[in-house]
Amino acid sequence: MSAGLTTSISQDTMAQERWTSREVMFLSILAVMQFTFIVDYILMMPLGSHLMASLSIGPQEFSYLISTYTISAAISGLLASFFIDRFERKRSILICYLGFSLGPIITITAENYNTLLLARVFSGAFGGVLTSIIMTIIGDAVSRSKIGRATSFVLSANAVASIVGVPLAIFLVSYGSWKTPFMVLLPLELLMLLVGLMVLPKLSKHLEFNSSSKRVWSTVINAKFIWPLVFMSLLTFAGGFTILPFLPTFVTFNYNFIQQEISYLFFLGGLSSFITAPMAGLMSDKFGRQNVFLWLNFLSIIPIILLTIFPLENKVLVIVVSAMFFMFSTGRHVSGMALINERFNENIRGRFISLNSSFQLFTGSLGTICAGYLIYHEEGMLYNFDLIGIIAICATIVCIFTAFIIDE
């Protein structure tokens, strides 16, 4: 009897671990939506030299194009946290995606720096809420035993954006203008809006709980809520929004990278991230999310040091080390997000992830703006990139200590 019972439990567990075709389709739609959001955001990074030349702007103005997008997303996410759990998930994500799909239209019609800045604010406002809802839906619809792998699957879209989106954008710019990539992105977003409308399931179990504004504030002031916010904010600040926005411009000016070589950098970096994301998700589920997160954070310091503090003279080494930077950044984000997502019940998961996204974007914007002020362009070179690296390393170390606090 005991052996039979054990076998039955084992079979039930294996059945729960298998992915159904419906789950794969569901997660694939979320992944493509995440892909379009990330592409829309990172398109600005490899276009830095083009935008500086065509719009006659410097590093500070360019940093505003990156940071205003994320600040807008942060503000919208903060506002959404008060009501995100009051609406059915499918309706919420489709409305946000519709607004987000209007972003490329406004960007395409921008004729000067100020108009482009306003266009990025609009795109960020809907994009910030969109990515929060995507992560919330994963927590609602996927069992706890699969949440690490589900998170890594969807966040693999970030890597694909680097593999496909950035090289394609650079290619399109060479045959058109900096607006051409956004013209190509728009039809994909409209297609996904239609697919989401037809395929995504309704998720409304969270509506059984009361989500009043009073409960939002009572949750926010709780230490168990605050420390995860600090944790994820530090994780965002530690490299992703300080180093990455200026990496293409840095290698262009300081290493004489041509556009094709930048596409190689993003392709290899994205490919490394694509391989790392599912591995990080699998290891997080198997060996413990905190353990995997801590190891990846320690390892992530190595490429930051090599990229920013110790100058590399070989272009191939720069590309390889950049790939390591992408790889460890993706891995620690996947394990960190999985570590946080499981800690909140579905009745407050939406508001936490929305607030979490807002805090991440605020600190990320701060990191980009600080980097824009610290880095300066002189005689065809960018200076103080090593200082940015030191700041990113310090944030990483503090983030490691914060991981121990939230696990108590």
Protein backbone atom coordinates (compact mmCIF):
# COMPACT_ATOMS: atom_id res chain seq x y z
CA MET A 1 0.00 0.00 0.00
CA SER A 2 2.80 2.40 0.93
CA ALA A 3 4.66 1.77 -2.33
CA GLY A 4 1.46 2.19 -4.33
CA LEU A 5 0.61 5.44 -2.56
CA THR A 6 4.14 6.76 -3.15
CA THR A 7 3.92 5.88 -6.84
CA SER A 8 0.54 7.60 -7.12
CA ILE A 9 1.84 10.79 -5.48
CA SER A 10 4.92 10.71 -7.70
CA GLN A 11 2.77 10.41 -10.82
CA ASP A 12 0.53 13.28 -9.68
CA THR A 13 3.62 15.43 -9.07
CA MET A 14 5.01 14.60 -12.51
CA ALA A 15 1.65 15.48 -14.08
CA GLN A 16 1.69 18.85 -12.34
CA GLU A 17 5.23 19.47 -13.59
CA ARG A 18 4.33 18.90 -17.25
CA TRP A 19 3.47 21.88 -19.41
CA THR A 20 0.16 21.73 -21.26
CA SER A 21 -0.26 23.16 -24.75
CA ARG A 22 -2.65 25.77 -23.31
CA GLU A 23 0.00 26.89 -20.80
CA VAL A 24 2.65 27.12 -23.51
CA MET A 25 0.36 29.18 -25.75
CA PHE A 26 -0.63 31.41 -22.85
CA LEU A 27 2.97 32.06 -21.80
CA SER A 28 4.05 32.55 -25.41
CA ILE A 29 1.57 35.41 -25.85
CA LEU A 30 2.85 37.05 -22.67
CA ALA A 31 6.43 36.55 -23.87
CA VAL A 32 5.78 38.25 -27.21
CA MET A 33 4.05 41.16 -25.47
CA GLN A 34 7.06 41.43 -23.16
CA PHE A 35 9.31 41.27 -26.24
CA THR A 36 7.60 44.24 -27.88
CA PHE A 37 7.84 46.26 -24.66
CA ILE A 38 11.56 45.56 -24.28
CA VAL A 39 12.30 46.23 -27.95
CA ASP A 40 10.42 49.53 -27.77
CA TYR A 41 12.56 50.51 -24.77
CA ILE A 42 16.02 49.30 -25.87
CA LEU A 43 15.70 50.56 -29.44
CA MET A 44 16.88 53.94 -28.18
CA MET A 45 20.17 52.54 -26.88
CA PRO A 46 21.88 51.51 -30.14
CA LEU A 47 20.40 54.60 -31.80
CA GLY A 48 22.26 56.90 -29.39
CA SER A 49 24.89 58.09 -31.86
CA HIS A 50 22.23 58.56 -34.59
CA LEU A 51 19.94 60.56 -32.32
CA MET A 52 22.79 62.71 -31.00
CA ALA A 53 23.76 63.57 -34.57
CA SER A 54 20.31 64.03 -36.11
CA LEU A 55 18.77 65.91 -33.16
CA SER A 56 21.97 67.75 -32.14
CA ILE A 57 21.87 66.52 -28.54
CA GLY A 58 24.49 65.35 -26.01
CA PRO A 59 24.74 62.51 -23.43
CA GLN A 60 22.53 64.35 -20.92
CA GLU A 61 19.69 64.90 -23.39
CA PHE A 62 20.03 61.31 -24.58
CA SER A 63 19.78 60.09 -20.97
CA TYR A 64 16.48 61.98 -20.69
CA LEU A 65 15.09 60.00 -23.65
CA ILE A 66 15.85 56.80 -21.72
CA SER A 67 14.90 58.02 -18.25
CA THR A 68 11.66 59.84 -19.11
CA TYR A 69 10.37 56.60 -20.60
CA THR A 70 11.04 54.77 -17.35
CA ILE A 71 9.90 57.63 -15.10
CA SER A 72 6.60 57.73 -16.95
CA ALA A 73 6.29 53.96 -16.60
CA ALA A 74 7.06 54.24 -12.89
CA ILE A 75 4.40 56.89 -12.27
CA SER A 76 1.75 54.98 -14.19
CA GLY A 77 2.67 51.78 -12.35
CA LEU A 78 2.38 53.56 -9.01
CA LEU A 79 -1.06 54.89 -9.88
CA ALA A 80 -2.12 51.48 -11.22
CA SER A 81 -1.24 49.82 -7.91
CA PHE A 82 -4.36 51.40 -6.36
CA PHE A 83 -6.76 49.68 -8.72
CA ILE A 84 -4.90 46.94 -10.63
CA ASP A 85 -6.41 44.20 -8.43
CA ARG A 86 -9.95 45.52 -8.94
CA PHE A 87 -10.20 44.49 -12.59
CA GLU A 88 -10.15 41.22 -14.46
CA ARG A 89 -6.60 40.54 -15.72
CA LYS A 90 -7.36 39.95 -19.41
CA ARG A 91 -9.26 43.22 -19.74
CA SER A 92 -6.47 45.10 -17.97
CA ILE A 93 -3.68 43.76 -20.16
CA LEU A 94 -5.56 44.34 -23.42
CA ILE A 95 -6.41 47.96 -22.54
CA CYS A 96 -2.80 48.64 -21.58
CA TYR A 97 -1.49 46.95 -24.71
CA LEU A 98 -3.84 49.00 -26.87
CA GLY A 99 -2.47 52.22 -25.36
CA PHE A 100 1.08 50.91 -25.67
CA SER A 101 0.51 50.14 -29.36
CA LEU A 102 -0.23 53.81 -29.98
CA GLY A 103 3.27 54.70 -28.75
CA PRO A 104 5.15 53.84 -31.97
CA ILE A 105 2.70 55.97 -33.97
CA ILE A 106 3.50 59.04 -31.88
CA THR A 107 7.23 58.23 -32.01
CA ILE A 108 7.15 57.95 -35.80
CA THR A 109 5.47 61.35 -36.14
CA ALA A 110 8.03 63.08 -33.86
CA GLU A 111 10.00 65.73 -35.77
CA ASN A 112 12.19 67.18 -33.01
CA TYR A 113 13.72 66.34 -29.63
CA ASN A 114 10.87 67.72 -27.49
CA THR A 115 8.21 65.86 -29.45
CA LEU A 116 10.22 62.64 -29.27
CA LEU A 117 10.57 63.15 -25.52
CA LEU A 118 6.79 63.45 -25.17
CA ALA A 119 6.30 60.37 -27.34
CA ARG A 120 8.55 58.33 -25.08
CA VAL A 121 6.63 59.51 -22.03
CA PHE A 122 3.39 58.23 -23.61
CA SER A 123 4.89 54.85 -24.52
CA GLY A 124 6.39 54.43 -21.07
CA ALA A 125 3.11 55.24 -19.31
CA PHE A 126 1.35 52.22 -20.82
CA GLY A 127 4.43 50.01 -20.97
CA GLY A 128 5.08 50.28 -17.24
CA VAL A 129 1.62 48.99 -16.35
CA LEU A 130 1.81 46.36 -19.09
CA THR A 131 4.89 44.61 -17.76
CA SER A 132 3.45 44.68 -14.21
CA ILE A 133 0.29 42.93 -15.38
CA ILE A 134 2.33 40.33 -17.28
CA MET A 135 4.25 39.37 -14.13
CA THR A 136 1.05 39.42 -12.08
CA ILE A 137 -0.69 37.06 -14.50
CA ILE A 138 2.22 34.62 -14.26
CA GLY A 139 1.87 34.56 -10.47
CA ASP A 140 -1.91 34.07 -10.73
CA ALA A 141 -2.04 31.42 -13.45
CA VAL A 142 1.07 29.29 -12.84
CA SER A 143 1.59 26.86 -9.97
CA ARG A 144 4.32 27.66 -7.45
CA SER A 145 6.41 24.66 -8.53
CA LYS A 146 6.63 26.09 -12.06
CA ILE A 147 6.87 29.79 -11.34
CA GLY A 148 10.65 30.01 -11.79
CA ARG A 149 10.53 28.37 -15.22
CA ALA A 150 7.45 30.35 -16.26
CA THR A 151 9.13 33.61 -15.27
CA SER A 152 12.30 32.68 -17.13
CA PHE A 153 10.28 31.72 -20.22
CA VAL A 154 8.55 35.09 -20.40
CA LEU A 155 11.67 37.06 -19.48
CA SER A 156 13.57 35.21 -22.21
CA ALA A 157 11.81 37.72 -24.43
CA ASN A 158 14.25 40.31 -23.09
CA ALA A 159 17.10 38.27 -24.52
CA VAL A 160 15.32 37.71 -27.82
CA ALA A 161 14.85 41.47 -28.05
CA SER A 162 18.64 41.82 -28.01
CA ILE A 163 19.19 38.89 -30.39
CA VAL A 164 16.63 39.95 -32.97
CA GLY A 165 15.35 43.42 -32.16
CA VAL A 166 18.56 45.41 -31.82
CA PRO A 167 20.50 43.94 -34.80
CA LEU A 168 17.38 44.30 -36.95
CA ALA A 169 16.94 47.89 -35.79
CA ILE A 170 20.54 48.70 -36.70
CA PHE A 171 20.03 47.08 -40.11
CA LEU A 172 16.81 49.02 -40.72
CA VAL A 173 18.42 52.31 -39.69
CA SER A 174 21.15 51.80 -42.29
CA TYR A 175 18.46 51.67 -44.99
CA GLY A 176 16.13 54.28 -43.57
CA SER A 177 16.16 56.53 -40.53
CA TRP A 178 15.98 56.12 -36.75
CA LYS A 179 12.18 55.96 -37.14
CA THR A 180 12.21 52.88 -39.39
CA PRO A 181 12.46 50.26 -36.57
CA PHE A 182 9.36 51.70 -34.91
CA MET A 183 7.50 51.44 -38.22
CA VAL A 184 8.29 47.71 -38.28
CA LEU A 185 7.40 47.20 -34.60
CA LEU A 186 3.90 48.69 -34.92
CA PRO A 187 2.29 45.87 -37.02
CA LEU A 188 3.57 43.22 -34.61
CA GLU A 189 1.99 45.03 -31.66
CA LEU A 190 -1.36 45.30 -33.45
CA LEU A 191 -1.20 41.59 -34.31
CA MET A 192 -0.53 40.62 -30.69
CA LEU A 193 -3.43 42.78 -29.56
CA LEU A 194 -5.72 40.72 -31.77
CA VAL A 195 -4.21 37.37 -30.71
CA GLY A 196 -4.48 38.32 -27.03
CA LEU A 197 -8.12 39.23 -27.47
CA MET A 198 -8.90 35.82 -28.96
CA VAL A 199 -6.66 33.50 -26.93
CA LEU A 200 -5.89 34.88 -23.45
CA PRO A 201 -8.10 33.38 -20.69
CA LYS A 202 -10.02 35.44 -18.19
CA LEU A 203 -8.50 35.59 -14.70
CA SER A 204 -10.77 36.96 -12.00
CA LYS A 205 -10.17 34.93 -8.83
CA HIS A 206 -8.40 37.87 -7.23
CA LEU A 207 -11.64 39.89 -7.43
CA GLU A 208 -12.98 37.86 -4.50
CA PHE A 209 -10.76 39.93 -2.23
CA ASN A 210 -11.21 43.54 -1.20
CA SER A 211 -8.63 45.86 -2.82
CA SER A 212 -9.44 49.23 -1.29
CA SER A 213 -6.95 52.08 -1.24
CA LYS A 214 -6.77 51.74 2.55
CA ARG A 215 -5.57 48.18 2.17
CA VAL A 216 -2.99 49.29 -0.38
CA TRP A 217 -1.40 51.69 2.10
CA SER A 218 -1.60 49.20 4.98
CA THR A 219 0.23 46.72 2.80
CA VAL A 220 2.85 49.18 1.59
CA ILE A 221 3.96 50.24 5.08
CA ASN A 222 4.48 46.60 6.06
CA ALA A 223 8.20 45.69 6.36
CA LYS A 224 7.59 42.45 4.46
CA PHE A 225 6.42 44.59 1.57
CA ILE A 226 9.04 47.35 1.78
CA TRP A 227 12.19 45.20 1.78
CA PRO A 228 11.32 43.32 -1.42
CA LEU A 229 10.74 46.71 -3.08
CA VAL A 230 14.16 47.90 -1.94
CA PHE A 231 15.67 44.60 -3.06
CA MET A 232 14.32 44.77 -6.63
CA SER A 233 15.10 48.49 -6.93
CA LEU A 234 18.74 47.86 -6.06
CA LEU A 235 18.79 44.97 -8.52
CA THR A 236 17.63 47.31 -11.28
CA PHE A 237 20.07 50.06 -10.34
CA ALA A 238 23.02 47.64 -10.31
CA GLY A 239 24.04 47.91 -13.93
CA GLY A 240 20.93 47.56 -16.04
CA PHE A 241 20.02 51.25 -16.02
CA THR A 242 23.45 52.71 -15.36
CA ILE A 243 25.80 50.82 -17.69
CA LEU A 244 23.55 49.40 -20.42
CA PRO A 245 21.97 52.63 -21.78
CA PHE A 246 25.42 54.05 -22.52
CA LEU A 247 27.22 50.84 -23.49
CA PRO A 248 26.57 51.14 -27.28
CA THR A 249 27.60 54.81 -27.32
CA PHE A 250 30.64 54.03 -25.13
CA VAL A 251 31.98 51.32 -27.46
CA THR A 252 31.21 53.52 -30.47
CA PHE A 253 33.25 56.47 -29.23
CA ASN A 254 35.95 54.75 -27.16
CA TYR A 255 36.51 51.56 -29.17
CA ASN A 256 35.53 52.79 -32.64
CA PHE A 257 32.79 50.17 -32.97
CA ILE A 258 30.82 50.40 -36.18
CA GLN A 259 27.08 49.68 -36.23
CA GLN A 260 27.59 46.12 -37.44
CA GLU A 261 29.91 45.39 -34.51
CA ILE A 262 27.34 46.81 -32.08
CA SER A 263 24.76 44.45 -33.58
CA TYR A 264 27.20 41.57 -32.89
CA LEU A 265 27.53 42.77 -29.29
CA PHE A 266 23.76 42.79 -28.73
CA PHE A 267 23.25 39.55 -30.65
CA LEU A 268 25.81 37.63 -28.60
CA GLY A 269 24.62 39.29 -25.39
CA GLY A 270 21.01 38.43 -26.16
CA LEU A 271 21.93 34.86 -27.11
CA SER A 272 23.79 34.44 -23.81
CA SER A 273 20.77 35.80 -21.93
CA PHE A 274 18.43 33.53 -23.87
CA ILE A 275 20.43 30.49 -22.79
CA THR A 276 20.83 31.71 -19.22
CA ALA A 277 17.18 32.65 -18.51
CA PRO A 278 15.69 29.11 -18.61
CA MET A 279 18.73 27.72 -16.77
CA ALA A 280 18.29 30.33 -14.03
CA GLY A 281 14.58 29.51 -13.78
CA LEU A 282 15.22 25.76 -13.60
CA MET A 283 18.00 26.13 -11.03
CA SER A 284 15.86 28.52 -8.97
CA ASP A 285 13.09 25.91 -8.76
CA LYS A 286 15.57 23.11 -8.01
CA PHE A 287 18.28 24.58 -5.78
CA GLY A 288 16.47 27.48 -4.11
CA ARG A 289 15.82 30.93 -5.49
CA GLN A 290 17.92 32.78 -2.96
CA ASN A 291 20.93 30.50 -3.43
CA VAL A 292 20.90 30.90 -7.19
CA PHE A 293 20.35 34.64 -6.93
CA LEU A 294 23.32 35.15 -4.59
CA TRP A 295 25.73 33.20 -6.79
CA LEU A 296 24.65 35.05 -9.94
CA ASN A 297 25.07 38.40 -8.20
CA PHE A 298 28.60 37.60 -7.10
CA LEU A 299 29.49 36.48 -10.62
CA SER A 300 27.87 39.55 -12.20
CA ILE A 301 30.52 41.79 -10.61
CA ILE A 302 33.24 40.26 -12.83
CA PRO A 303 32.04 41.61 -16.23
CA ILE A 304 31.18 44.99 -14.67
CA ILE A 305 34.78 45.35 -13.50
CA LEU A 306 36.18 44.26 -16.88
CA LEU A 307 33.87 46.51 -18.88
CA THR A 308 34.17 49.70 -16.90
CA ILE A 309 37.23 49.77 -14.62
CA PHE A 310 39.91 47.84 -16.51
CA PRO A 311 39.99 48.99 -20.15
CA LEU A 312 39.99 46.20 -22.73
CA GLU A 313 41.93 46.87 -25.90
CA ASN A 314 40.57 44.03 -28.04
CA LYS A 315 37.12 44.42 -29.62
CA VAL A 316 36.45 40.68 -29.43
CA LEU A 317 37.10 40.72 -25.68
CA VAL A 318 34.75 43.69 -25.29
CA ILE A 319 31.99 41.74 -27.06
CA VAL A 320 32.62 38.57 -25.02
CA VAL A 321 32.67 40.43 -21.69
CA SER A 322 29.53 42.32 -22.70
CA ALA A 323 27.87 38.95 -23.33
CA MET A 324 28.83 37.92 -19.79
CA PHE A 325 27.28 41.15 -18.51
CA PHE A 326 24.00 40.38 -20.33
CA MET A 327 24.07 36.77 -19.15
CA PHE A 328 24.48 37.41 -15.43
CA SER A 329 22.15 40.42 -15.48
CA THR A 330 19.39 38.27 -16.97
CA GLY A 331 20.05 35.36 -14.63
CA ARG A 332 19.91 37.40 -11.46
CA HIS A 333 16.77 39.23 -12.63
CA VAL A 334 14.97 35.94 -13.34
CA SER A 335 15.96 34.41 -10.00
CA GLY A 336 15.22 37.66 -8.15
CA MET A 337 11.77 38.03 -9.73
CA ALA A 338 10.93 34.38 -8.98
CA LEU A 339 12.13 34.88 -5.39
CA ILE A 340 9.77 37.83 -4.95
CA ASN A 341 6.76 36.66 -6.95
CA GLU A 342 6.10 33.61 -4.78
CA ARG A 343 5.96 35.64 -1.56
CA PHE A 344 2.63 37.36 -2.19
CA ASN A 345 -0.85 35.91 -2.44
CA GLU A 346 -2.99 36.63 -5.48
CA ASN A 347 -5.13 39.13 -3.58
CA ILE A 348 -2.17 41.54 -3.24
CA ARG A 349 0.18 40.24 -5.95
CA GLY A 350 -1.01 42.73 -8.55
CA ARG A 351 -0.48 45.79 -6.37
CA PHE A 352 2.91 44.54 -5.16
CA ILE A 353 4.24 43.84 -8.65
CA SER A 354 2.88 47.16 -9.90
CA LEU A 355 4.52 49.06 -7.04
CA ASN A 356 7.65 46.96 -7.44
CA SER A 357 7.83 47.85 -11.12
CA SER A 358 7.38 51.52 -10.28
CA PHE A 359 10.16 51.51 -7.70
CA GLN A 360 12.44 49.65 -10.10
CA LEU A 361 11.78 52.15 -12.85
CA PHE A 362 12.22 55.14 -10.55
CA THR A 363 15.58 53.90 -9.32
CA GLY A 364 16.52 52.84 -12.84
CA SER A 365 15.69 56.30 -14.13
CA LEU A 366 17.76 57.80 -11.34
CA GLY A 367 20.63 55.56 -12.35
CA THR A 368 20.40 56.61 -16.00
CA ILE A 369 20.17 60.31 -15.15
CA CYS A 370 23.12 60.06 -12.75
CA ALA A 371 25.11 58.26 -15.42
CA GLY A 372 24.18 60.97 -17.92
CA TYR A 373 25.53 63.65 -15.59
CA LEU A 374 28.68 61.77 -14.60
CA ILE A 375 29.64 60.69 -18.12
CA TYR A 376 30.88 63.44 -20.40
CA HIS A 377 31.81 63.58 -24.07
CA GLU A 378 35.10 65.24 -24.96
CA GLU A 379 37.36 64.98 -28.00
CA GLY A 380 35.42 62.04 -29.42
CA MET A 381 35.55 59.98 -26.19
CA LEU A 382 33.22 59.21 -23.28
CA TYR A 383 34.77 59.63 -19.84
CA ASN A 384 33.88 58.49 -16.27
CA PHE A 385 32.50 55.11 -17.39
CA ASP A 386 34.68 53.54 -14.68
CA LEU A 387 32.87 55.61 -12.05
CA ILE A 388 29.55 54.22 -13.31
CA GLY A 389 30.97 50.71 -12.89
CA ILE A 390 31.93 51.37 -9.27
CA ILE A 391 28.41 52.62 -8.51
CA ALA A 392 26.91 49.49 -10.12
CA ILE A 393 29.19 47.21 -8.07
CA CYS A 394 28.26 48.96 -4.81
CA ALA A 395 24.56 48.58 -5.63
CA THR A 396 25.10 44.88 -6.35
CA ILE A 397 26.79 44.31 -2.98
CA VAL A 398 23.99 46.09 -1.10
CA CYS A 399 21.45 44.05 -3.08
CA ILE A 400 23.13 40.83 -1.90
CA PHE A 401 22.72 41.86 1.75
CA THR A 402 19.10 42.85 1.13
CA ALA A 403 18.38 39.34 -0.21
CA PHE A 404 19.17 37.94 3.26
CA ILE A 405 16.75 40.39 4.90
CA ILE A 406 13.76 39.46 2.73
CA ASP A 407 14.40 35.76 3.33
CA GLU A 408 13.96 36.09 7.10
